[in-house]
Amino acid sequence: MPQLNMVQAINLALREEMARDNRLVVLGEDVGRDGGVFRVTEGLFEQFGGERVMDTPLSESAIAGAAIGMAVCGMRPVAEIQFMGFIYAAFDQLVAHAARIRTRSRGRFTCPLVIRTPYGGGIKAPELHEESTEALFCHVPGLKVVVPSGPYSAKGLLLAAIRDPDPVLFLEPTRLYRLVKEEVPEGDYTLPLGTARIVRQGGAVTVVAWGSMLQRTIQAVEGYDAEVIDLMTLAPFDWETLLASVRKTGRLVIVHEAPLTCGLGAEIAATVAEEAILHLRGPVLRVAAPDVPVPLARLMDRYLPSVERIQAAVKEVLTY
């Protein structure tokens, strides 16, 4: 199998699915002739033409609104928002329309839409280019939120998202775009949405992470009897895998790069407290970003959870 980075894996998924399903269209700012700001859609315009790979005006609300209309009418749009920090202009479209179409129409219509957007820190870009506000969207019923942690999962999850009958927000960790390579099969395979994966078996502590934080978590637990879970789908997330692991280990550390307060880690901790508190041998600890706006480049390394901070949390809960 070819060794691909995440950019190449996502491009391969789009290319193969566009060839398989002529309902699939790609739209967004600079996704056509330029191939996207990170070159994720490079070559698609040349292969499939301007009717299926469409450059749009600089209007996130218009991109989302047009894609919703396409999806309701039977197409399979994959819309790119150039950075997650720009997605707030489309929040109304996604929350008030895309996520509610199935309920509003009493099941007569669905919205098979994928919104792709780079997210998260680590490339030291300007303001609004390194946001990690996934919790805002995890709160919205009817909207799925998916985050791959590597090239293999990126392709499998994206294919599953495109084929899902409901809207999916597909968050691509910018830091991972070209950081790692993995074997990625050519041809058709999907990873089911709503299912986490155990990437490392262990018996003393469970550590949950997603996106670019998974790589740092795996480094941090080296030498510890830690079970590491890659959540992959944030909404809805895989309660069964998480709770089974916590009941086995008795300890839990949650790692995410979004701000601490009201982050998804709080929901995970609350669920464990409700469903598995009698199995816990120590407090549930969260390692997250501080509750401040994303800083400029010079402070980014101090803002994001580091290997050392994750390791300190694991040590703390193991010695409680």
C-alpha atoms as a PDB file:
ATOM      1  CA  MET A   1       0.000   0.000   0.000  1.00  0.00           C
ATOM      2  CA  PRO A   2       1.223   3.532  -0.671  1.00  0.00           C
ATOM      3  CA  GLN A   3       2.600   5.625   2.179  1.00  0.00           C
ATOM      4  CA  LEU A   4       0.558   8.828   2.194  1.00  0.00           C
ATOM      5  CA  ASN A   5       0.289  11.919   4.343  1.00  0.00           C
ATOM      6  CA  MET A   6      -3.114  13.249   5.367  1.00  0.00           C
ATOM      7  CA  VAL A   7      -3.370  15.723   2.481  1.00  0.00           C
ATOM      8  CA  GLN A   8      -2.765  12.919   0.003  1.00  0.00           C
ATOM      9  CA  ALA A   9      -5.179  10.549   1.764  1.00  0.00           C
ATOM     10  CA  ILE A  10      -8.030  13.068   1.738  1.00  0.00           C
ATOM     11  CA  ASN A  11      -7.325  13.933  -1.887  1.00  0.00           C
ATOM     12  CA  LEU A  12      -7.399  10.230  -2.764  1.00  0.00           C
ATOM     13  CA  ALA A  13     -10.728   9.763  -0.974  1.00  0.00           C
ATOM     14  CA  LEU A  14     -12.298  12.675  -2.844  1.00  0.00           C
ATOM     15  CA  ARG A  15     -10.865  11.586  -6.192  1.00  0.00           C
ATOM     16  CA  GLU A  16     -12.066   7.988  -5.843  1.00  0.00           C
ATOM     17  CA  GLU A  17     -15.503   8.919  -4.550  1.00  0.00           C
ATOM     18  CA  MET A  18     -16.025  11.534  -7.270  1.00  0.00           C
ATOM     19  CA  ALA A  19     -15.219   8.896  -9.862  1.00  0.00           C
ATOM     20  CA  ARG A  20     -17.649   6.463  -8.206  1.00  0.00           C
ATOM     21  CA  ASP A  21     -20.549   8.852  -7.543  1.00  0.00           C
ATOM     22  CA  ASN A  22     -21.311  11.625 -10.025  1.00  0.00           C
ATOM     23  CA  ARG A  23     -23.553  13.336  -7.461  1.00  0.00           C
ATOM     24  CA  LEU A  24     -20.480  14.410  -5.498  1.00  0.00           C
ATOM     25  CA  VAL A  25     -19.374  18.017  -5.961  1.00  0.00           C
ATOM     26  CA  VAL A  26     -16.622  19.978  -4.225  1.00  0.00           C
ATOM     27  CA  LEU A  27     -16.964  23.679  -3.475  1.00  0.00           C
ATOM     28  CA  GLY A  28     -15.175  26.328  -1.474  1.00  0.00           C
ATOM     29  CA  GLU A  29     -12.696  29.165  -1.577  1.00  0.00           C
ATOM     30  CA  ASP A  30      -9.776  28.402  -3.932  1.00  0.00           C
ATOM     31  CA  VAL A  31     -10.544  24.656  -4.069  1.00  0.00           C
ATOM     32  CA  GLY A  32     -10.570  24.606  -7.888  1.00  0.00           C
ATOM     33  CA  ARG A  33      -7.696  25.959  -9.952  1.00  0.00           C
ATOM     34  CA  ASP A  34      -5.444  26.515  -6.905  1.00  0.00           C
ATOM     35  CA  GLY A  35      -6.260  23.176  -5.276  1.00  0.00           C
ATOM     36  CA  GLY A  36      -7.057  24.702  -1.882  1.00  0.00           C
ATOM     37  CA  VAL A  37      -4.907  26.635   0.548  1.00  0.00           C
ATOM     38  CA  PHE A  38      -3.243  23.375   1.675  1.00  0.00           C
ATOM     39  CA  ARG A  39      -3.513  21.751  -1.790  1.00  0.00           C
ATOM     40  CA  VAL A  40      -5.936  19.123  -0.475  1.00  0.00           C
ATOM     41  CA  THR A  41      -8.106  19.366  -3.609  1.00  0.00           C
ATOM     42  CA  GLU A  42      -5.207  19.671  -6.041  1.00  0.00           C
ATOM     43  CA  GLY A  43      -5.879  18.057  -9.413  1.00  0.00           C
ATOM     44  CA  LEU A  44      -9.615  17.588  -8.907  1.00  0.00           C
ATOM     45  CA  PHE A  45     -10.535  20.585 -11.077  1.00  0.00           C
ATOM     46  CA  GLU A  46      -8.429  19.285 -13.954  1.00  0.00           C
ATOM     47  CA  GLN A  47      -9.930  15.794 -13.696  1.00  0.00           C
ATOM     48  CA  PHE A  48     -13.594  16.582 -13.046  1.00  0.00           C
ATOM     49  CA  GLY A  49     -14.049  20.106 -14.395  1.00  0.00           C
ATOM     50  CA  GLY A  50     -15.590  23.309 -13.114  1.00  0.00           C
ATOM     51  CA  GLU A  51     -19.120  21.946 -12.838  1.00  0.00           C
ATOM     52  CA  ARG A  52     -18.053  19.548 -10.073  1.00  0.00           C
ATOM     53  CA  VAL A  53     -15.142  21.457  -8.471  1.00  0.00           C
ATOM     54  CA  MET A  54     -16.307  25.004  -7.860  1.00  0.00           C
ATOM     55  CA  ASP A  55     -14.451  28.048  -6.597  1.00  0.00           C
ATOM     56  CA  THR A  56     -16.790  30.214  -4.528  1.00  0.00           C
ATOM     57  CA  PRO A  57     -16.860  33.814  -3.317  1.00  0.00           C
ATOM     58  CA  LEU A  58     -15.324  34.593   0.076  1.00  0.00           C
ATOM     59  CA  SER A  59     -18.578  33.981   1.927  1.00  0.00           C
ATOM     60  CA  GLU A  60     -18.762  31.088   4.371  1.00  0.00           C
ATOM     61  CA  SER A  61     -22.489  31.570   4.860  1.00  0.00           C
ATOM     62  CA  ALA A  62     -23.038  31.331   1.098  1.00  0.00           C
ATOM     63  CA  ILE A  63     -20.829  28.240   0.818  1.00  0.00           C
ATOM     64  CA  ALA A  64     -22.766  26.422   3.538  1.00  0.00           C
ATOM     65  CA  GLY A  65     -26.148  27.638   2.292  1.00  0.00           C
ATOM     66  CA  ALA A  66     -25.505  26.581  -1.289  1.00  0.00           C
ATOM     67  CA  ALA A  67     -24.200  23.199  -0.145  1.00  0.00           C
ATOM     68  CA  ILE A  68     -27.304  22.626   1.994  1.00  0.00           C
ATOM     69  CA  GLY A  69     -29.534  23.334  -1.010  1.00  0.00           C
ATOM     70  CA  MET A  70     -27.531  20.914  -3.145  1.00  0.00           C
ATOM     71  CA  ALA A  71     -27.730  18.188  -0.487  1.00  0.00           C
ATOM     72  CA  VAL A  72     -31.485  18.506  -0.010  1.00  0.00           C
ATOM     73  CA  CYS A  73     -31.957  18.247  -3.787  1.00  0.00           C
ATOM     74  CA  GLY A  74     -30.091  14.932  -4.001  1.00  0.00           C
ATOM     75  CA  MET A  75     -26.459  15.876  -4.570  1.00  0.00           C
ATOM     76  CA  ARG A  76     -23.522  14.976  -2.313  1.00  0.00           C
ATOM     77  CA  PRO A  77     -21.662  18.250  -1.717  1.00  0.00           C
ATOM     78  CA  VAL A  78     -18.325  18.435   0.062  1.00  0.00           C
ATOM     79  CA  ALA A  79     -17.811  22.071   1.024  1.00  0.00           C
ATOM     80  CA  GLU A  80     -14.520  23.429   2.311  1.00  0.00           C
ATOM     81  CA  ILE A  81     -14.305  26.225   4.860  1.00  0.00           C
ATOM     82  CA  GLN A  82     -10.751  27.451   4.547  1.00  0.00           C
ATOM     83  CA  PHE A  83     -10.056  27.511   8.323  1.00  0.00           C
ATOM     84  CA  MET A  84     -12.239  26.656  11.297  1.00  0.00           C
ATOM     85  CA  GLY A  85     -11.828  30.208  12.551  1.00  0.00           C
ATOM     86  CA  PHE A  86     -13.799  31.362   9.513  1.00  0.00           C
ATOM     87  CA  ILE A  87     -16.714  28.976  10.057  1.00  0.00           C
ATOM     88  CA  TYR A  88     -18.637  31.158  12.499  1.00  0.00           C
ATOM     89  CA  ALA A  89     -20.253  33.059   9.633  1.00  0.00           C
ATOM     90  CA  ALA A  90     -21.783  29.738   8.557  1.00  0.00           C
ATOM     91  CA  PHE A  91     -22.900  28.735  12.055  1.00  0.00           C
ATOM     92  CA  ASP A  92     -26.508  29.750  11.463  1.00  0.00           C
ATOM     93  CA  GLN A  93     -26.714  27.730   8.248  1.00  0.00           C
ATOM     94  CA  LEU A  94     -25.342  24.607   9.911  1.00  0.00           C
ATOM     95  CA  VAL A  95     -27.269  24.843  13.185  1.00  0.00           C
ATOM     96  CA  ALA A  96     -30.595  26.304  12.082  1.00  0.00           C
ATOM     97  CA  HIS A  97     -30.868  24.530   8.731  1.00  0.00           C
ATOM     98  CA  ALA A  98     -28.523  21.606   7.957  1.00  0.00           C
ATOM     99  CA  ALA A  99     -28.900  19.958  11.356  1.00  0.00           C
ATOM    100  CA  ARG A 100     -32.704  20.382  11.442  1.00  0.00           C
ATOM    101  CA  ILE A 101     -33.826  19.400   7.957  1.00  0.00           C
ATOM    102  CA  ARG A 102     -34.572  15.776   8.844  1.00  0.00           C
ATOM    103  CA  THR A 103     -36.626  16.793  11.899  1.00  0.00           C
ATOM    104  CA  ARG A 104     -38.236  19.801  10.266  1.00  0.00           C
ATOM    105  CA  SER A 105     -39.456  17.708   7.321  1.00  0.00           C
ATOM    106  CA  ARG A 106     -40.478  14.773   9.552  1.00  0.00           C
ATOM    107  CA  GLY A 107     -37.963  12.578   7.748  1.00  0.00           C
ATOM    108  CA  ARG A 108     -39.025  13.450   4.204  1.00  0.00           C
ATOM    109  CA  PHE A 109     -35.702  15.194   3.501  1.00  0.00           C
ATOM    110  CA  THR A 110     -32.146  14.612   4.631  1.00  0.00           C
ATOM    111  CA  CYS A 111     -29.015  16.701   4.239  1.00  0.00           C
ATOM    112  CA  PRO A 112     -26.100  14.495   3.105  1.00  0.00           C
ATOM    113  CA  LEU A 113     -23.544  17.281   3.395  1.00  0.00           C
ATOM    114  CA  VAL A 114     -19.888  17.277   4.438  1.00  0.00           C
ATOM    115  CA  ILE A 115     -18.208  20.457   5.620  1.00  0.00           C
ATOM    116  CA  ARG A 116     -14.428  20.026   5.590  1.00  0.00           C
ATOM    117  CA  THR A 117     -12.262  22.490   7.467  1.00  0.00           C
ATOM    118  CA  PRO A 118      -8.664  22.609   8.721  1.00  0.00           C
ATOM    119  CA  TYR A 119      -8.613  23.158  12.456  1.00  0.00           C
ATOM    120  CA  GLY A 120      -6.348  23.296  15.465  1.00  0.00           C
ATOM    121  CA  GLY A 121      -2.971  24.702  16.374  1.00  0.00           C
ATOM    122  CA  GLY A 122       0.628  23.909  15.696  1.00  0.00           C
ATOM    123  CA  ILE A 123       1.473  25.658  12.428  1.00  0.00           C
ATOM    124  CA  LYS A 124       1.812  29.098  14.048  1.00  0.00           C
ATOM    125  CA  ALA A 125      -0.507  30.898  11.666  1.00  0.00           C
ATOM    126  CA  PRO A 126      -2.225  34.264  12.225  1.00  0.00           C
ATOM    127  CA  GLU A 127      -5.354  34.856  14.305  1.00  0.00           C
ATOM    128  CA  LEU A 128      -8.455  32.770  13.400  1.00  0.00           C
ATOM    129  CA  HIS A 129      -6.320  30.165  11.609  1.00  0.00           C
ATOM    130  CA  GLU A 130      -5.731  27.783  14.560  1.00  0.00           C
ATOM    131  CA  GLU A 131      -9.112  27.601  16.313  1.00  0.00           C
ATOM    132  CA  SER A 132     -10.310  24.414  18.015  1.00  0.00           C
ATOM    133  CA  THR A 133     -13.978  25.060  18.784  1.00  0.00           C
ATOM    134  CA  GLU A 134     -15.416  21.623  18.096  1.00  0.00           C
ATOM    135  CA  ALA A 135     -17.466  21.703  21.305  1.00  0.00           C
ATOM    136  CA  LEU A 136     -19.706  24.418  19.801  1.00  0.00           C
ATOM    137  CA  PHE A 137     -20.805  21.966  17.126  1.00  0.00           C
ATOM    138  CA  CYS A 138     -20.903  18.844  19.309  1.00  0.00           C
ATOM    139  CA  HIS A 139     -23.727  20.566  21.183  1.00  0.00           C
ATOM    140  CA  VAL A 140     -25.943  20.604  18.068  1.00  0.00           C
ATOM    141  CA  PRO A 141     -28.351  17.646  17.674  1.00  0.00           C
ATOM    142  CA  GLY A 142     -28.483  16.398  14.100  1.00  0.00           C
ATOM    143  CA  LEU A 143     -24.899  17.357  13.257  1.00  0.00           C
ATOM    144  CA  LYS A 144     -22.098  14.793  13.328  1.00  0.00           C
ATOM    145  CA  VAL A 145     -18.542  15.924  14.166  1.00  0.00           C
ATOM    146  CA  VAL A 146     -15.600  13.824  12.979  1.00  0.00           C
ATOM    147  CA  VAL A 147     -11.846  14.232  13.525  1.00  0.00           C
ATOM    148  CA  PRO A 148      -9.246  11.922  11.946  1.00  0.00           C
ATOM    149  CA  SER A 149      -5.890  11.465  13.646  1.00  0.00           C
ATOM    150  CA  GLY A 150      -3.871  10.215  10.698  1.00  0.00           C
ATOM    151  CA  PRO A 151      -3.940   9.524   6.959  1.00  0.00           C
ATOM    152  CA  TYR A 152      -5.538   6.053   7.232  1.00  0.00           C
ATOM    153  CA  SER A 153      -8.419   7.230   9.385  1.00  0.00           C
ATOM    154  CA  ALA A 154      -8.783  10.405   7.301  1.00  0.00           C
ATOM    155  CA  LYS A 155      -9.636   8.483   4.151  1.00  0.00           C
ATOM    156  CA  GLY A 156     -11.905   5.927   5.820  1.00  0.00           C
ATOM    157  CA  LEU A 157     -13.803   8.488   7.871  1.00  0.00           C
ATOM    158  CA  LEU A 158     -14.211  10.909   4.958  1.00  0.00           C
ATOM    159  CA  LEU A 159     -15.717   8.217   2.732  1.00  0.00           C
ATOM    160  CA  ALA A 160     -18.115   7.269   5.534  1.00  0.00           C
ATOM    161  CA  ALA A 161     -19.010  10.935   6.069  1.00  0.00           C
ATOM    162  CA  ILE A 162     -19.741  11.513   2.374  1.00  0.00           C
ATOM    163  CA  ARG A 163     -22.063   8.504   2.303  1.00  0.00           C
ATOM    164  CA  ASP A 164     -23.851   9.415   5.528  1.00  0.00           C
ATOM    165  CA  PRO A 165     -27.414  10.714   5.037  1.00  0.00           C
ATOM    166  CA  ASP A 166     -26.972  13.550   7.533  1.00  0.00           C
ATOM    167  CA  PRO A 167     -24.626  16.564   7.778  1.00  0.00           C
ATOM    168  CA  VAL A 168     -21.077  15.926   8.956  1.00  0.00           C
ATOM    169  CA  LEU A 169     -18.514  18.486  10.087  1.00  0.00           C
ATOM    170  CA  PHE A 170     -15.157  16.960   9.135  1.00  0.00           C
ATOM    171  CA  LEU A 171     -12.323  18.593  11.066  1.00  0.00           C
ATOM    172  CA  GLU A 172      -8.832  18.105   9.643  1.00  0.00           C
ATOM    173  CA  PRO A 173      -5.948  18.715  12.096  1.00  0.00           C
ATOM    174  CA  THR A 174      -3.767  21.222  10.262  1.00  0.00           C
ATOM    175  CA  ARG A 175      -0.680  20.181  12.172  1.00  0.00           C
ATOM    176  CA  LEU A 176      -1.012  16.610  10.877  1.00  0.00           C
ATOM    177  CA  TYR A 177      -1.474  17.444   7.193  1.00  0.00           C
ATOM    178  CA  ARG A 178       2.124  16.610   6.314  1.00  0.00           C
ATOM    179  CA  LEU A 179       3.576  15.541   9.660  1.00  0.00           C
ATOM    180  CA  VAL A 180       3.124  11.762   9.404  1.00  0.00           C
ATOM    181  CA  LYS A 181       2.697   9.147   6.704  1.00  0.00           C
ATOM    182  CA  GLU A 182       0.802   5.869   6.962  1.00  0.00           C
ATOM    183  CA  GLU A 183      -0.151   3.016   4.704  1.00  0.00           C
ATOM    184  CA  VAL A 184      -3.430   4.004   3.046  1.00  0.00           C
ATOM    185  CA  PRO A 185      -5.230   1.442   0.892  1.00  0.00           C
ATOM    186  CA  GLU A 186      -6.287   2.433  -2.582  1.00  0.00           C
ATOM    187  CA  GLY A 187      -9.913   1.612  -3.320  1.00  0.00           C
ATOM    188  CA  ASP A 188     -12.961   1.462  -1.121  1.00  0.00           C
ATOM    189  CA  TYR A 189     -12.914   1.222   2.680  1.00  0.00           C
ATOM    190  CA  THR A 190     -14.775   3.113   5.372  1.00  0.00           C
ATOM    191  CA  LEU A 191     -14.448   3.560   9.124  1.00  0.00           C
ATOM    192  CA  PRO A 192     -17.875   3.673  10.784  1.00  0.00           C
ATOM    193  CA  LEU A 193     -18.910   6.989  12.274  1.00  0.00           C
ATOM    194  CA  GLY A 194     -19.666   6.956  15.980  1.00  0.00           C
ATOM    195  CA  THR A 195     -16.987   4.348  16.742  1.00  0.00           C
ATOM    196  CA  ALA A 196     -13.771   4.978  18.645  1.00  0.00           C
ATOM    197  CA  ARG A 197     -10.660   2.845  18.327  1.00  0.00           C
ATOM    198  CA  ILE A 198      -8.239   1.588  20.949  1.00  0.00           C
ATOM    199  CA  VAL A 199      -4.813   2.401  19.544  1.00  0.00           C
ATOM    200  CA  ARG A 200      -2.856   1.106  22.539  1.00  0.00           C
ATOM    201  CA  GLN A 201      -3.879  -1.548  25.052  1.00  0.00           C
ATOM    202  CA  GLY A 202      -3.264  -0.981  28.757  1.00  0.00           C
ATOM    203  CA  GLY A 203      -4.619  -1.772  32.192  1.00  0.00           C
ATOM    204  CA  ALA A 204      -3.713   1.050  34.613  1.00  0.00           C
ATOM    205  CA  VAL A 205      -5.118   4.239  33.081  1.00  0.00           C
ATOM    206  CA  THR A 206      -7.285   5.228  30.110  1.00  0.00           C
ATOM    207  CA  VAL A 207      -6.199   8.254  28.079  1.00  0.00           C
ATOM    208  CA  VAL A 208      -8.662   9.678  25.535  1.00  0.00           C
ATOM    209  CA  ALA A 209      -7.569  12.046  22.760  1.00  0.00           C
ATOM    210  CA  TRP A 210      -8.389  12.999  19.172  1.00  0.00           C
ATOM    211  CA  GLY A 211      -6.838  14.805  16.241  1.00  0.00           C
ATOM    212  CA  SER A 212      -3.266  15.994  16.623  1.00  0.00           C
ATOM    213  CA  MET A 213      -3.321  15.380  20.371  1.00  0.00           C
ATOM    214  CA  LEU A 214      -3.302  11.625  19.792  1.00  0.00           C
ATOM    215  CA  GLN A 215       0.302  11.713  18.580  1.00  0.00           C
ATOM    216  CA  ARG A 216       1.436  13.618  21.661  1.00  0.00           C
ATOM    217  CA  THR A 217      -0.561  11.326  23.928  1.00  0.00           C
ATOM    218  CA  ILE A 218       1.096   8.213  22.520  1.00  0.00           C
ATOM    219  CA  GLN A 219       4.500   9.799  23.148  1.00  0.00           C
ATOM    220  CA  ALA A 220       3.515  10.826  26.683  1.00  0.00           C
ATOM    221  CA  VAL A 221       2.380   7.365  27.842  1.00  0.00           C
ATOM    222  CA  GLU A 222       5.490   5.559  26.656  1.00  0.00           C
ATOM    223  CA  GLY A 223       6.609   3.350  29.549  1.00  0.00           C
ATOM    224  CA  TYR A 224       3.201   3.418  31.296  1.00  0.00           C
ATOM    225  CA  ASP A 225       0.505   0.745  31.364  1.00  0.00           C
ATOM    226  CA  ALA A 226      -1.893   3.090  29.600  1.00  0.00           C
ATOM    227  CA  GLU A 227      -4.781   2.360  27.260  1.00  0.00           C
ATOM    228  CA  VAL A 228      -5.117   5.064  24.591  1.00  0.00           C
ATOM    229  CA  ILE A 229      -8.421   5.713  22.826  1.00  0.00           C
ATOM    230  CA  ASP A 230      -8.744   7.733  19.623  1.00  0.00           C
ATOM    231  CA  LEU A 231     -12.292   9.096  19.745  1.00  0.00           C
ATOM    232  CA  MET A 232     -12.471   9.822  15.955  1.00  0.00           C
ATOM    233  CA  THR A 233     -16.177  10.760  16.018  1.00  0.00           C
ATOM    234  CA  LEU A 234     -16.846  13.451  18.611  1.00  0.00           C
ATOM    235  CA  ALA A 235     -20.590  13.658  18.076  1.00  0.00           C
ATOM    236  CA  PRO A 236     -22.024  11.156  18.689  1.00  0.00           C
ATOM    237  CA  PHE A 237     -19.081   9.564  20.440  1.00  0.00           C
ATOM    238  CA  ASP A 238     -18.543   5.946  21.398  1.00  0.00           C
ATOM    239  CA  TRP A 239     -19.697   5.690  25.018  1.00  0.00           C
ATOM    240  CA  GLU A 240     -19.388   1.903  25.103  1.00  0.00           C
ATOM    241  CA  THR A 241     -15.700   1.731  24.211  1.00  0.00           C
ATOM    242  CA  LEU A 242     -14.858   4.549  26.617  1.00  0.00           C
ATOM    243  CA  LEU A 243     -16.811   3.153  29.579  1.00  0.00           C
ATOM    244  CA  ALA A 244     -15.528  -0.391  29.064  1.00  0.00           C
ATOM    245  CA  SER A 245     -11.962   0.909  29.163  1.00  0.00           C
ATOM    246  CA  VAL A 246     -12.514   3.042  32.277  1.00  0.00           C
ATOM    247  CA  ARG A 247     -14.185   0.145  34.089  1.00  0.00           C
ATOM    248  CA  LYS A 248     -11.077  -1.906  33.317  1.00  0.00           C
ATOM    249  CA  THR A 249      -8.418   0.658  34.237  1.00  0.00           C
ATOM    250  CA  GLY A 250     -10.185   2.693  36.934  1.00  0.00           C
ATOM    251  CA  ARG A 251      -8.527   5.919  35.834  1.00  0.00           C
ATOM    252  CA  LEU A 252      -9.111   8.481  33.096  1.00  0.00           C
ATOM    253  CA  VAL A 253      -7.160  11.343  31.530  1.00  0.00           C
ATOM    254  CA  ILE A 254      -8.732  13.386  28.700  1.00  0.00           C
ATOM    255  CA  VAL A 255      -6.574  15.398  26.300  1.00  0.00           C
ATOM    256  CA  HIS A 256      -7.802  18.061  23.883  1.00  0.00           C
ATOM    257  CA  GLU A 257      -6.431  21.283  22.441  1.00  0.00           C
ATOM    258  CA  ALA A 258      -9.655  23.261  22.826  1.00  0.00           C
ATOM    259  CA  PRO A 259     -10.069  25.504  25.906  1.00  0.00           C
ATOM    260  CA  LEU A 260     -10.754  23.637  29.142  1.00  0.00           C
ATOM    261  CA  THR A 261     -14.094  25.129  30.188  1.00  0.00           C
ATOM    262  CA  CYS A 262     -17.101  23.509  28.461  1.00  0.00           C
ATOM    263  CA  GLY A 263     -14.817  21.545  26.155  1.00  0.00           C
ATOM    264  CA  LEU A 264     -15.845  18.045  25.075  1.00  0.00           C
ATOM    265  CA  GLY A 265     -13.645  16.687  27.838  1.00  0.00           C
ATOM    266  CA  ALA A 266     -16.138  18.008  30.381  1.00  0.00           C
ATOM    267  CA  GLU A 267     -18.938  15.982  28.773  1.00  0.00           C
ATOM    268  CA  ILE A 268     -16.776  12.859  28.749  1.00  0.00           C
ATOM    269  CA  ALA A 269     -15.902  13.355  32.421  1.00  0.00           C
ATOM    270  CA  ALA A 270     -19.559  13.880  33.347  1.00  0.00           C
ATOM    271  CA  THR A 271     -20.603  10.710  31.531  1.00  0.00           C
ATOM    272  CA  VAL A 272     -17.926   8.663  33.296  1.00  0.00           C
ATOM    273  CA  ALA A 273     -19.031  10.128  36.640  1.00  0.00           C
ATOM    274  CA  GLU A 274     -22.627   9.080  35.916  1.00  0.00           C
ATOM    275  CA  GLU A 275     -21.938   5.625  34.506  1.00  0.00           C
ATOM    276  CA  ALA A 276     -18.685   4.378  36.019  1.00  0.00           C
ATOM    277  CA  ILE A 277     -17.954   6.323  39.196  1.00  0.00           C
ATOM    278  CA  LEU A 278     -17.733   3.183  41.350  1.00  0.00           C
ATOM    279  CA  HIS A 279     -14.933   1.915  39.130  1.00  0.00           C
ATOM    280  CA  LEU A 280     -12.780   5.034  39.475  1.00  0.00           C
ATOM    281  CA  ARG A 281      -9.639   4.909  41.614  1.00  0.00           C
ATOM    282  CA  GLY A 282      -8.790   8.574  41.177  1.00  0.00           C
ATOM    283  CA  PRO A 283     -10.142  11.843  39.800  1.00  0.00           C
ATOM    284  CA  VAL A 284     -10.808  12.314  36.097  1.00  0.00           C
ATOM    285  CA  LEU A 285      -8.158  14.727  34.830  1.00  0.00           C
ATOM    286  CA  ARG A 286      -8.290  16.963  31.763  1.00  0.00           C
ATOM    287  CA  VAL A 287      -5.309  18.333  29.860  1.00  0.00           C
ATOM    288  CA  ALA A 288      -6.440  21.171  27.630  1.00  0.00           C
ATOM    289  CA  ALA A 289      -5.692  24.676  26.432  1.00  0.00           C
ATOM    290  CA  PRO A 290      -6.267  27.607  28.805  1.00  0.00           C
ATOM    291  CA  ASP A 291      -9.454  29.667  28.597  1.00  0.00           C
ATOM    292  CA  VAL A 292      -7.923  32.440  26.516  1.00  0.00           C
ATOM    293  CA  PRO A 293      -8.070  33.352  22.814  1.00  0.00           C
ATOM    294  CA  VAL A 294      -5.662  31.417  20.629  1.00  0.00           C
ATOM    295  CA  PRO A 295      -2.366  33.315  20.932  1.00  0.00           C
ATOM    296  CA  LEU A 296       0.008  34.427  18.232  1.00  0.00           C
ATOM    297  CA  ALA A 297       2.878  32.223  17.107  1.00  0.00           C
ATOM    298  CA  ARG A 298       5.387  32.986  19.850  1.00  0.00           C
ATOM    299  CA  LEU A 299       3.115  31.625  22.582  1.00  0.00           C
ATOM    300  CA  MET A 300       1.574  28.706  20.687  1.00  0.00           C
ATOM    301  CA  ASP A 301       3.907  26.076  22.161  1.00  0.00           C
ATOM    302  CA  ARG A 302       2.887  27.147  25.663  1.00  0.00           C
ATOM    303  CA  TYR A 303      -0.805  27.221  24.742  1.00  0.00           C
ATOM    304  CA  LEU A 304      -1.233  23.692  23.370  1.00  0.00           C
ATOM    305  CA  PRO A 305      -1.083  20.635  25.648  1.00  0.00           C
ATOM    306  CA  SER A 306       2.473  19.330  25.608  1.00  0.00           C
ATOM    307  CA  VAL A 307       3.855  15.828  26.031  1.00  0.00           C
ATOM    308  CA  GLU A 308       5.134  16.907  29.445  1.00  0.00           C
ATOM    309  CA  ARG A 309       1.719  18.152  30.627  1.00  0.00           C
ATOM    310  CA  ILE A 310       0.008  14.960  29.462  1.00  0.00           C
ATOM    311  CA  GLN A 311       2.654  12.861  31.158  1.00  0.00           C
ATOM    312  CA  ALA A 312       2.276  14.834  34.404  1.00  0.00           C
ATOM    313  CA  ALA A 313      -1.491  14.160  34.422  1.00  0.00           C
ATOM    314  CA  VAL A 314      -0.929  10.438  33.860  1.00  0.00           C
ATOM    315  CA  LYS A 315       1.580  10.336  36.726  1.00  0.00           C
ATOM    316  CA  GLU A 316      -0.794  12.252  38.998  1.00  0.00           C
ATOM    317  CA  VAL A 317      -3.748   9.949  38.482  1.00  0.00           C
ATOM    318  CA  LEU A 318      -1.608   6.817  38.768  1.00  0.00           C
ATOM    319  CA  THR A 319      -0.225   7.917  42.154  1.00  0.00           C
ATOM    320  CA  TYR A 320      -3.488   9.266  43.563  1.00  0.00           C
END
